[in-house]
Each structure stands twice: as structure tokens, then as C-alpha cells.
Amino acid sequence: MTVKPLGERVLIEVKTSEEKTSGGIVIPQAAQEKTQEGKVIAIGSSDTIKVKIGDKVIYDKYAGTQIKIGDRDHLLIKFEEILAVID
């Protein structure tokens, strides 16, 4: 399945959180905090979008709509909800 964002929307592959702490304690899925980092997979057709495919970004904690493509979690968000690009 291919998803192409429209307008000023961006498709982000959500970075999975660690399932173990550095001390080896396993954290259950329900107790894991929602991550705010991801990788840009696709961008909409607007000229105002300032990120490109492949950029690692930090986005607003409660931003967008979660979707599942294959077995990976993705987030479809407005460009304005991206807070920073990680180098």
C-alpha cells in the first residue's frame, strides 16, 4: 500500500521506543511513552513544506493521525506540527 499525503501534510515513520532499559528491565508496551521522533517518508504537494524525504524530525506529542502500513506505525501530520529536524 502506498500513501501520498495531500497539501501541507507529511507522512512520518514513527521511531519505535526502547523495550528495555539500560539496566535490562523490560518495559511493557502499555507503559512505554509515545515517541516524538520519526523519519519523513513522503511529503505533500505544497511548496511551503521545508523538510525532505529521509529527514529525521521531532514533532508535536499529540500531532496527526496514526496509521499502520504493513507492520510499521506511521503518522500523517500537518507540516506546522513538525518542531525540528535532527542532524
Protein backbone atom coordinates (compact mmCIF):
# COMPACT_ATOMS: atom_id res chain seq x y z
CA MET A 1 0.00 0.00 0.00
CA THR A 2 1.28 3.46 -0.93
CA VAL A 3 0.19 6.59 0.92
CA LYS A 4 0.70 10.02 -0.72
CA PRO A 5 -0.01 13.00 1.59
CA LEU A 6 -2.03 15.89 0.16
CA GLY A 7 -1.40 19.63 0.56
CA GLU A 8 0.77 20.55 3.55
CA ARG A 9 0.75 17.08 5.12
CA VAL A 10 3.78 14.89 5.81
CA LEU A 11 3.95 11.10 6.31
CA ILE A 12 6.36 10.12 9.10
CA GLU A 13 7.55 6.66 10.10
CA VAL A 14 7.44 6.67 13.89
CA LYS A 15 10.64 5.69 15.69
CA THR A 16 9.98 2.72 17.94
CA SER A 17 10.75 3.19 21.61
CA GLU A 18 13.17 1.01 23.50
CA GLU A 19 11.63 -2.07 25.07
CA LYS A 20 14.43 -2.47 27.63
CA THR A 21 16.15 -0.01 29.90
CA SER A 22 19.95 0.22 30.04
CA GLY A 23 19.77 -1.95 33.17
CA GLY A 24 17.92 -4.71 31.29
CA ILE A 25 14.42 -4.13 32.67
CA VAL A 26 11.73 -4.94 30.09
CA ILE A 27 9.11 -2.20 29.69
CA PRO A 28 5.63 -3.44 28.68
CA GLN A 29 4.06 -1.86 25.57
CA ALA A 30 1.27 -0.24 27.62
CA ALA A 31 3.78 1.57 29.86
CA GLN A 32 6.00 2.90 27.07
CA GLU A 33 5.87 6.62 26.43
CA LYS A 34 4.84 7.77 22.97
CA THR A 35 7.89 8.83 20.97
CA GLN A 36 8.12 12.20 19.25
CA GLU A 37 10.76 11.30 16.68
CA GLY A 38 10.46 9.86 13.22
CA LYS A 39 11.66 9.78 9.64
CA VAL A 40 9.93 11.61 6.77
CA ILE A 41 8.64 9.02 4.27
CA ALA A 42 6.53 11.20 1.94
CA ILE A 43 5.52 14.86 1.61
CA GLY A 44 2.52 16.62 0.14
CA SER A 45 2.47 18.85 -2.91
CA SER A 46 2.66 22.23 -1.15
CA ASP A 47 5.68 24.50 -1.77
CA THR A 48 5.70 25.65 1.87
CA ILE A 49 6.97 22.29 3.20
CA LYS A 50 10.58 22.76 4.38
CA VAL A 51 11.52 19.11 5.03
CA LYS A 52 12.52 16.46 2.54
CA ILE A 53 12.15 12.71 2.35
CA GLY A 54 14.66 10.98 4.63
CA ASP A 55 14.89 13.81 7.22
CA LYS A 56 14.71 12.79 10.88
CA VAL A 57 12.28 15.08 12.70
CA ILE A 58 10.78 15.85 16.09
CA TYR A 59 7.03 16.53 16.05
CA ASP A 60 4.37 17.70 18.48
CA LYS A 61 3.42 15.00 21.00
CA TYR A 62 -0.29 14.85 20.14
CA ALA A 63 0.04 15.62 16.43
CA GLY A 64 -1.57 13.95 13.46
CA THR A 65 -3.35 10.73 12.70
CA GLN A 66 -1.76 7.35 13.38
CA ILE A 67 -1.90 4.78 10.58
CA LYS A 68 -0.33 1.36 10.17
CA ILE A 69 1.35 0.50 6.86
CA GLY A 70 2.44 -3.12 6.80
CA ASP A 71 3.73 -3.82 10.29
CA ARG A 72 5.14 -0.30 10.90
CA ASP A 73 3.46 2.65 12.66
CA HIS A 74 3.23 5.91 10.71
CA LEU A 75 1.88 9.35 11.44
CA LEU A 76 0.17 11.67 8.96
CA ILE A 77 0.64 15.25 10.22
CA LYS A 78 0.43 18.85 9.08
CA PHE A 79 3.81 20.41 8.27
CA GLU A 80 3.30 23.04 11.01
CA GLU A 81 3.35 20.28 13.68
CA ILE A 82 7.00 19.44 12.91
CA LEU A 83 9.12 21.16 15.56
CA ALA A 84 12.70 20.43 14.41
CA VAL A 85 14.93 18.50 12.03
CA ILE A 86 17.59 16.26 13.62
CA ASP A 87 21.06 16.22 12.01
